[in-house]
Amino acid sequence: VLLRTVEKEKLAIALKGASENLRDQFFKS
């Protein structure tokens, strides 16, 4: 649901500073 709703540009910028674990969880979804 979050991935469908968030702006793709904001998602990329936010994950730029995210931990590897959190990035991986987004990628797996």
PDB file of all heavy atoms in Angstrom:
ATOM      1  N   VAL A   1       0.838  -1.205   0.000  1.00  0.00           N
ATOM      2  CA  VAL A   1       0.000   0.000   0.000  1.00  0.00           C
ATOM      3  C   VAL A   1       0.871   1.251   0.000  1.00  0.00           C
ATOM      4  O   VAL A   1       0.619   2.203  -0.747  1.00  0.00           O
ATOM      5  CB  VAL A   1      -0.936   0.005   1.230  1.00  0.00           C
ATOM      6  CG1 VAL A   1      -1.670   1.344   1.337  1.00  0.00           C
ATOM      7  CG2 VAL A   1      -1.939  -1.131   1.135  1.00  0.00           C
ATOM      8  N   LEU A   2       1.912   1.246   0.830  1.00  0.00           N
ATOM      9  CA  LEU A   2       2.806   2.405   0.907  1.00  0.00           C
ATOM     10  C   LEU A   2       3.504   2.636  -0.427  1.00  0.00           C
ATOM     11  O   LEU A   2       3.613   3.780  -0.895  1.00  0.00           O
ATOM     12  CB  LEU A   2       3.829   2.195   2.021  1.00  0.00           C
ATOM     13  CG  LEU A   2       4.802   3.353   2.274  1.00  0.00           C
ATOM     14  CD1 LEU A   2       4.049   4.620   2.670  1.00  0.00           C
ATOM     15  CD2 LEU A   2       5.808   2.976   3.357  1.00  0.00           C
ATOM     16  N   LEU A   3       3.953   1.575  -1.074  1.00  0.00           N
ATOM     17  CA  LEU A   3       4.648   1.702  -2.360  1.00  0.00           C
ATOM     18  C   LEU A   3       3.729   2.232  -3.452  1.00  0.00           C
ATOM     19  O   LEU A   3       4.163   2.974  -4.338  1.00  0.00           O
ATOM     20  CB  LEU A   3       5.229   0.345  -2.773  1.00  0.00           C
ATOM     21  CG  LEU A   3       6.514  -0.084  -2.046  1.00  0.00           C
ATOM     22  CD1 LEU A   3       6.848  -1.530  -2.365  1.00  0.00           C
ATOM     23  CD2 LEU A   3       7.671   0.830  -2.425  1.00  0.00           C
ATOM     24  N   ARG A   4       2.450   1.858  -3.390  1.00  0.00           N
ATOM     25  CA  ARG A   4       1.501   2.342  -4.395  1.00  0.00           C
ATOM     26  C   ARG A   4       1.177   3.819  -4.197  1.00  0.00           C
ATOM     27  O   ARG A   4       0.805   4.512  -5.141  1.00  0.00           O
ATOM     28  CB  ARG A   4       0.200   1.530  -4.349  1.00  0.00           C
ATOM     29  CG  ARG A   4       0.302   0.135  -4.898  1.00  0.00           C
ATOM     30  CD  ARG A   4      -1.084  -0.421  -5.200  1.00  0.00           C
ATOM     31  NE  ARG A   4      -1.942  -0.433  -4.021  1.00  0.00           N
ATOM     32  CZ  ARG A   4      -2.030  -1.464  -3.180  1.00  0.00           C
ATOM     33  NH1 ARG A   4      -1.299  -2.562  -3.402  1.00  0.00           N
ATOM     34  NH2 ARG A   4      -2.843  -1.408  -2.142  1.00  0.00           N
ATOM     35  N   THR A   5       1.324   4.301  -2.963  1.00  0.00           N
ATOM     36  CA  THR A   5       0.877   5.646  -2.627  1.00  0.00           C
ATOM     37  C   THR A   5       1.988   6.687  -2.697  1.00  0.00           C
ATOM     38  O   THR A   5       1.745   7.838  -3.066  1.00  0.00           O
ATOM     39  CB  THR A   5       0.265   5.657  -1.204  1.00  0.00           C
ATOM     40  OG1 THR A   5      -0.660   4.573  -1.075  1.00  0.00           O
ATOM     41  CG2 THR A   5      -0.467   6.966  -0.933  1.00  0.00           C
ATOM     42  N   VAL A   6       3.195   6.316  -2.329  1.00  0.00           N
ATOM     43  CA  VAL A   6       4.282   7.287  -2.222  1.00  0.00           C
ATOM     44  C   VAL A   6       4.749   7.753  -3.605  1.00  0.00           C
ATOM     45  O   VAL A   6       4.673   7.000  -4.588  1.00  0.00           O
ATOM     46  CB  VAL A   6       5.476   6.672  -1.440  1.00  0.00           C
ATOM     47  CG1 VAL A   6       6.137   5.561  -2.261  1.00  0.00           C
ATOM     48  CG2 VAL A   6       6.492   7.738  -1.079  1.00  0.00           C
ATOM     49  N   GLU A   7       5.190   9.008  -3.671  1.00  0.00           N
ATOM     50  CA  GLU A   7       5.757   9.526  -4.913  1.00  0.00           C
ATOM     51  C   GLU A   7       7.092   8.836  -5.168  1.00  0.00           C
ATOM     52  O   GLU A   7       7.928   8.731  -4.266  1.00  0.00           O
ATOM     53  CB  GLU A   7       5.984  11.034  -4.815  1.00  0.00           C
ATOM     54  CG  GLU A   7       4.704  11.842  -4.665  1.00  0.00           C
ATOM     55  CD  GLU A   7       4.986  13.323  -4.505  1.00  0.00           C
ATOM     56  OE1 GLU A   7       6.081  13.761  -4.923  1.00  0.00           O
ATOM     57  OE2 GLU A   7       4.130  14.034  -3.958  1.00  0.00           O
ATOM     58  N   LYS A   8       7.304   8.366  -6.396  1.00  0.00           N
ATOM     59  CA  LYS A   8       8.509   7.580  -6.711  1.00  0.00           C
ATOM     60  C   LYS A   8       9.780   8.397  -6.497  1.00  0.00           C
ATOM     61  O   LYS A   8      10.809   7.872  -6.059  1.00  0.00           O
ATOM     62  CB  LYS A   8       8.433   7.084  -8.165  1.00  0.00           C
ATOM     63  CG  LYS A   8       7.264   6.154  -8.417  1.00  0.00           C
ATOM     64  CD  LYS A   8       7.362   4.913  -7.528  1.00  0.00           C
ATOM     65  CE  LYS A   8       6.198   3.955  -7.763  1.00  0.00           C
ATOM     66  NZ  LYS A   8       5.053   4.248  -6.906  1.00  0.00           N
ATOM     67  N   GLU A   9       9.721   9.705  -6.796  1.00  0.00           N
ATOM     68  CA  GLU A   9      10.904  10.542  -6.602  1.00  0.00           C
ATOM     69  C   GLU A   9      11.274  10.641  -5.120  1.00  0.00           C
ATOM     70  O   GLU A   9      12.448  10.528  -4.747  1.00  0.00           O
ATOM     71  CB  GLU A   9      10.646  11.936  -7.173  1.00  0.00           C
ATOM     72  CG  GLU A   9      11.852  12.869  -7.079  1.00  0.00           C
ATOM     73  CD  GLU A   9      11.557  14.249  -7.629  1.00  0.00           C
ATOM     74  OE1 GLU A   9      10.488  14.425  -8.258  1.00  0.00           O
ATOM     75  OE2 GLU A   9      12.391  15.156  -7.432  1.00  0.00           O
ATOM     76  N   LYS A  10      10.261  10.816  -4.273  1.00  0.00           N
ATOM     77  CA  LYS A  10      10.504  10.895  -2.828  1.00  0.00           C
ATOM     78  C   LYS A  10      11.041   9.570  -2.301  1.00  0.00           C
ATOM     79  O   LYS A  10      11.896   9.534  -1.404  1.00  0.00           O
ATOM     80  CB  LYS A  10       9.208  11.258  -2.090  1.00  0.00           C
ATOM     81  CG  LYS A  10       8.961  12.751  -1.979  1.00  0.00           C
ATOM     82  CD  LYS A  10       7.879  13.022  -0.955  1.00  0.00           C
ATOM     83  CE  LYS A  10       7.727  14.521  -0.689  1.00  0.00           C
ATOM     84  NZ  LYS A  10       7.263  15.253  -1.866  1.00  0.00           N
ATOM     85  N   LEU A  11      10.520   8.457  -2.834  1.00  0.00           N
ATOM     86  CA  LEU A  11      10.963   7.142  -2.390  1.00  0.00           C
ATOM     87  C   LEU A  11      12.453   6.952  -2.649  1.00  0.00           C
ATOM     88  O   LEU A  11      13.199   6.489  -1.781  1.00  0.00           O
ATOM     89  CB  LEU A  11      10.153   6.054  -3.101  1.00  0.00           C
ATOM     90  CG  LEU A  11      10.559   4.603  -2.817  1.00  0.00           C
ATOM     91  CD1 LEU A  11      10.410   4.286  -1.331  1.00  0.00           C
ATOM     92  CD2 LEU A  11       9.723   3.639  -3.652  1.00  0.00           C
ATOM     93  N   ALA A  12      12.902   7.326  -3.828  1.00  0.00           N
ATOM     94  CA  ALA A  12      14.317   7.181  -4.169  1.00  0.00           C
ATOM     95  C   ALA A  12      15.199   8.027  -3.261  1.00  0.00           C
ATOM     96  O   ALA A  12      16.229   7.558  -2.755  1.00  0.00           O
ATOM     97  CB  ALA A  12      14.542   7.560  -5.632  1.00  0.00           C
ATOM     98  N   ILE A  13      14.793   9.267  -3.025  1.00  0.00           N
ATOM     99  CA  ILE A  13      15.598  10.158  -2.169  1.00  0.00           C
ATOM    100  C   ILE A  13      15.611   9.635  -0.734  1.00  0.00           C
ATOM    101  O   ILE A  13      16.658   9.642  -0.067  1.00  0.00           O
ATOM    102  CB  ILE A  13      15.039  11.593  -2.214  1.00  0.00           C
ATOM    103  CG1 ILE A  13      15.155  12.161  -3.620  1.00  0.00           C
ATOM    104  CG2 ILE A  13      15.774  12.493  -1.225  1.00  0.00           C
ATOM    105  CD1 ILE A  13      14.482  13.515  -3.805  1.00  0.00           C
ATOM    106  N   ALA A  14      14.463   9.172  -0.243  1.00  0.00           N
ATOM    107  CA  ALA A  14      14.386   8.671   1.130  1.00  0.00           C
ATOM    108  C   ALA A  14      15.265   7.438   1.315  1.00  0.00           C
ATOM    109  O   ALA A  14      15.977   7.309   2.319  1.00  0.00           O
ATOM    110  CB  ALA A  14      12.941   8.347   1.487  1.00  0.00           C
ATOM    111  N   LEU A  15      15.225   6.513   0.345  1.00  0.00           N
ATOM    112  CA  LEU A  15      16.014   5.289   0.465  1.00  0.00           C
ATOM    113  C   LEU A  15      17.506   5.529   0.253  1.00  0.00           C
ATOM    114  O   LEU A  15      18.328   4.682   0.609  1.00  0.00           O
ATOM    115  CB  LEU A  15      15.513   4.237  -0.532  1.00  0.00           C
ATOM    116  CG  LEU A  15      14.131   3.649  -0.242  1.00  0.00           C
ATOM    117  CD1 LEU A  15      13.778   2.588  -1.270  1.00  0.00           C
ATOM    118  CD2 LEU A  15      14.063   3.067   1.169  1.00  0.00           C
ATOM    119  N   LYS A  16      17.847   6.685  -0.297  1.00  0.00           N
ATOM    120  CA  LYS A  16      19.254   7.034  -0.471  1.00  0.00           C
ATOM    121  C   LYS A  16      19.986   7.008   0.873  1.00  0.00           C
ATOM    122  O   LYS A  16      21.149   6.598   0.956  1.00  0.00           O
ATOM    123  CB  LYS A  16      19.361   8.433  -1.094  1.00  0.00           C
ATOM    124  CG  LYS A  16      20.789   8.940  -1.304  1.00  0.00           C
ATOM    125  CD  LYS A  16      21.423   8.333  -2.520  1.00  0.00           C
ATOM    126  CE  LYS A  16      22.793   8.937  -2.790  1.00  0.00           C
ATOM    127  NZ  LYS A  16      23.444   8.342  -3.971  1.00  0.00           N
ATOM    128  N   GLY A  17      19.272   7.422   1.939  1.00  0.00           N
ATOM    129  CA  GLY A  17      19.901   7.447   3.258  1.00  0.00           C
ATOM    130  C   GLY A  17      19.410   6.352   4.176  1.00  0.00           C
ATOM    131  O   GLY A  17      19.606   6.444   5.398  1.00  0.00           O
ATOM    132  N   ALA A  18      18.760   5.328   3.647  1.00  0.00           N
ATOM    133  CA  ALA A  18      18.217   4.261   4.481  1.00  0.00           C
ATOM    134  C   ALA A  18      19.251   3.176   4.734  1.00  0.00           C
ATOM    135  O   ALA A  18      20.234   3.044   4.003  1.00  0.00           O
ATOM    136  CB  ALA A  18      16.979   3.650   3.813  1.00  0.00           C
ATOM    137  N   SER A  19      19.006   2.394   5.759  1.00  0.00           N
ATOM    138  CA  SER A  19      19.881   1.256   6.052  1.00  0.00           C
ATOM    139  C   SER A  19      19.696   0.181   4.985  1.00  0.00           C
ATOM    140  O   SER A  19      18.673   0.149   4.289  1.00  0.00           O
ATOM    141  CB  SER A  19      19.549   0.682   7.429  1.00  0.00           C
ATOM    142  OG  SER A  19      18.245   0.112   7.418  1.00  0.00           O
ATOM    143  N   GLU A  20      20.678  -0.695   4.864  1.00  0.00           N
ATOM    144  CA  GLU A  20      20.594  -1.775   3.873  1.00  0.00           C
ATOM    145  C   GLU A  20      19.396  -2.679   4.155  1.00  0.00           C
ATOM    146  O   GLU A  20      18.717  -3.131   3.233  1.00  0.00           O
ATOM    147  CB  GLU A  20      21.885  -2.595   3.869  1.00  0.00           C
ATOM    148  CG  GLU A  20      23.076  -1.875   3.267  1.00  0.00           C
ATOM    149  CD  GLU A  20      22.861  -1.533   1.797  1.00  0.00           C
ATOM    150  OE1 GLU A  20      22.203  -2.333   1.090  1.00  0.00           O
ATOM    151  OE2 GLU A  20      23.323  -0.456   1.369  1.00  0.00           O
ATOM    152  N   ASN A  21      19.127  -2.947   5.441  1.00  0.00           N
ATOM    153  CA  ASN A  21      17.998  -3.826   5.795  1.00  0.00           C
ATOM    154  C   ASN A  21      16.677  -3.247   5.320  1.00  0.00           C
ATOM    155  O   ASN A  21      15.817  -3.956   4.783  1.00  0.00           O
ATOM    156  CB  ASN A  21      17.953  -4.031   7.317  1.00  0.00           C
ATOM    157  CG  ASN A  21      19.058  -4.949   7.799  1.00  0.00           C
ATOM    158  OD1 ASN A  21      19.602  -5.717   7.018  1.00  0.00           O
ATOM    159  ND2 ASN A  21      19.390  -4.858   9.090  1.00  0.00           N
ATOM    160  N   LEU A  22      16.501  -1.942   5.535  1.00  0.00           N
ATOM    161  CA  LEU A  22      15.246  -1.316   5.113  1.00  0.00           C
ATOM    162  C   LEU A  22      15.146  -1.267   3.594  1.00  0.00           C
ATOM    163  O   LEU A  22      14.085  -1.542   3.014  1.00  0.00           O
ATOM    164  CB  LEU A  22      15.135   0.096   5.691  1.00  0.00           C
ATOM    165  CG  LEU A  22      13.826   0.845   5.375  1.00  0.00           C
ATOM    166  CD1 LEU A  22      12.606   0.039   5.821  1.00  0.00           C
ATOM    167  CD2 LEU A  22      13.816   2.221   6.027  1.00  0.00           C
ATOM    168  N   ARG A  23      16.255  -0.946   2.933  1.00  0.00           N
ATOM    169  CA  ARG A  23      16.245  -0.945   1.459  1.00  0.00           C
ATOM    170  C   ARG A  23      15.834  -2.315   0.938  1.00  0.00           C
ATOM    171  O   ARG A  23      14.986  -2.427   0.047  1.00  0.00           O
ATOM    172  CB  ARG A  23      17.633  -0.604   0.921  1.00  0.00           C
ATOM    173  CG  ARG A  23      17.988   0.863   0.942  1.00  0.00           C
ATOM    174  CD  ARG A  23      19.199   1.064   0.062  1.00  0.00           C
ATOM    175  NE  ARG A  23      19.819   2.358   0.266  1.00  0.00           N
ATOM    176  CZ  ARG A  23      20.848   2.804  -0.433  1.00  0.00           C
ATOM    177  NH1 ARG A  23      21.374   2.047  -1.384  1.00  0.00           N
ATOM    178  NH2 ARG A  23      21.361   3.995  -0.208  1.00  0.00           N
ATOM    179  N   ASP A  24      16.451  -3.360   1.503  1.00  0.00           N
ATOM    180  CA  ASP A  24      16.158  -4.719   1.033  1.00  0.00           C
ATOM    181  C   ASP A  24      14.687  -5.061   1.216  1.00  0.00           C
ATOM    182  O   ASP A  24      14.088  -5.738   0.369  1.00  0.00           O
ATOM    183  CB  ASP A  24      17.020  -5.735   1.793  1.00  0.00           C
ATOM    184  CG  ASP A  24      18.487  -5.670   1.379  1.00  0.00           C
ATOM    185  OD1 ASP A  24      18.770  -5.092   0.314  1.00  0.00           O
ATOM    186  OD2 ASP A  24      19.348  -6.174   2.130  1.00  0.00           O
ATOM    187  N   GLN A  25      14.094  -4.583   2.321  1.00  0.00           N
ATOM    188  CA  GLN A  25      12.683  -4.890   2.553  1.00  0.00           C
ATOM    189  C   GLN A  25      11.805  -4.225   1.492  1.00  0.00           C
ATOM    190  O   GLN A  25      10.836  -4.819   1.022  1.00  0.00           O
ATOM    191  CB  GLN A  25      12.257  -4.436   3.947  1.00  0.00           C
ATOM    192  CG  GLN A  25      10.818  -4.810   4.269  1.00  0.00           C
ATOM    193  CD  GLN A  25      10.557  -4.892   5.748  1.00  0.00           C
ATOM    194  OE1 GLN A  25      11.484  -4.967   6.545  1.00  0.00           O
ATOM    195  NE2 GLN A  25       9.298  -4.876   6.127  1.00  0.00           N
ATOM    196  N   PHE A  26      12.161  -3.011   1.106  1.00  0.00           N
ATOM    197  CA  PHE A  26      11.409  -2.339   0.036  1.00  0.00           C
ATOM    198  C   PHE A  26      11.579  -3.089  -1.284  1.00  0.00           C
ATOM    199  O   PHE A  26      10.614  -3.319  -2.013  1.00  0.00           O
ATOM    200  CB  PHE A  26      11.877  -0.894  -0.105  1.00  0.00           C
ATOM    201  CG  PHE A  26      11.141   0.074   0.781  1.00  0.00           C
ATOM    202  CD1 PHE A  26      11.646   0.417   2.021  1.00  0.00           C
ATOM    203  CD2 PHE A  26       9.937   0.636   0.374  1.00  0.00           C
ATOM    204  CE1 PHE A  26      10.969   1.307   2.845  1.00  0.00           C
ATOM    205  CE2 PHE A  26       9.246   1.528   1.189  1.00  0.00           C
ATOM    206  CZ  PHE A  26       9.770   1.855   2.429  1.00  0.00           C
ATOM    207  N   PHE A  27      12.832  -3.469  -1.595  1.00  0.00           N
ATOM    208  CA  PHE A  27      13.092  -4.157  -2.861  1.00  0.00           C
ATOM    209  C   PHE A  27      12.355  -5.500  -2.931  1.00  0.00           C
ATOM    210  O   PHE A  27      11.838  -5.892  -3.983  1.00  0.00           O
ATOM    211  CB  PHE A  27      14.594  -4.384  -3.047  1.00  0.00           C
ATOM    212  CG  PHE A  27      15.376  -3.103  -3.230  1.00  0.00           C
ATOM    213  CD1 PHE A  27      16.658  -2.970  -2.691  1.00  0.00           C
ATOM    214  CD2 PHE A  27      14.844  -2.039  -3.929  1.00  0.00           C
ATOM    215  CE1 PHE A  27      17.377  -1.794  -2.863  1.00  0.00           C
ATOM    216  CE2 PHE A  27      15.553  -0.860  -4.101  1.00  0.00           C
ATOM    217  CZ  PHE A  27      16.823  -0.742  -3.558  1.00  0.00           C
ATOM    218  N   LYS A  28      12.287  -6.215  -1.791  1.00  0.00           N
ATOM    219  CA  LYS A  28      11.613  -7.517  -1.762  1.00  0.00           C
ATOM    220  C   LYS A  28      10.115  -7.383  -1.997  1.00  0.00           C
ATOM    221  O   LYS A  28       9.462  -8.348  -2.417  1.00  0.00           O
ATOM    222  CB  LYS A  28      11.861  -8.210  -0.418  1.00  0.00           C
ATOM    223  CG  LYS A  28      13.277  -8.723  -0.248  1.00  0.00           C
ATOM    224  CD  LYS A  28      13.475  -9.317   1.144  1.00  0.00           C
ATOM    225  CE  LYS A  28      14.916  -9.763   1.349  1.00  0.00           C
ATOM    226  NZ  LYS A  28      15.150 -10.260   2.729  1.00  0.00           N
ATOM    227  N   SER A  29       9.567  -6.207  -1.695  1.00  0.00           N
ATOM    228  CA  SER A  29       8.131  -5.989  -1.862  1.00  0.00           C
ATOM    229  C   SER A  29       7.786  -5.526  -3.272  1.00  0.00           C
ATOM    230  O   SER A  29       6.617  -5.263  -3.566  1.00  0.00           O
ATOM    231  CB  SER A  29       7.638  -4.935  -0.853  1.00  0.00           C
ATOM    232  OG  SER A  29       7.887  -5.350   0.473  1.00  0.00           O
TER     233      SER A  29
END
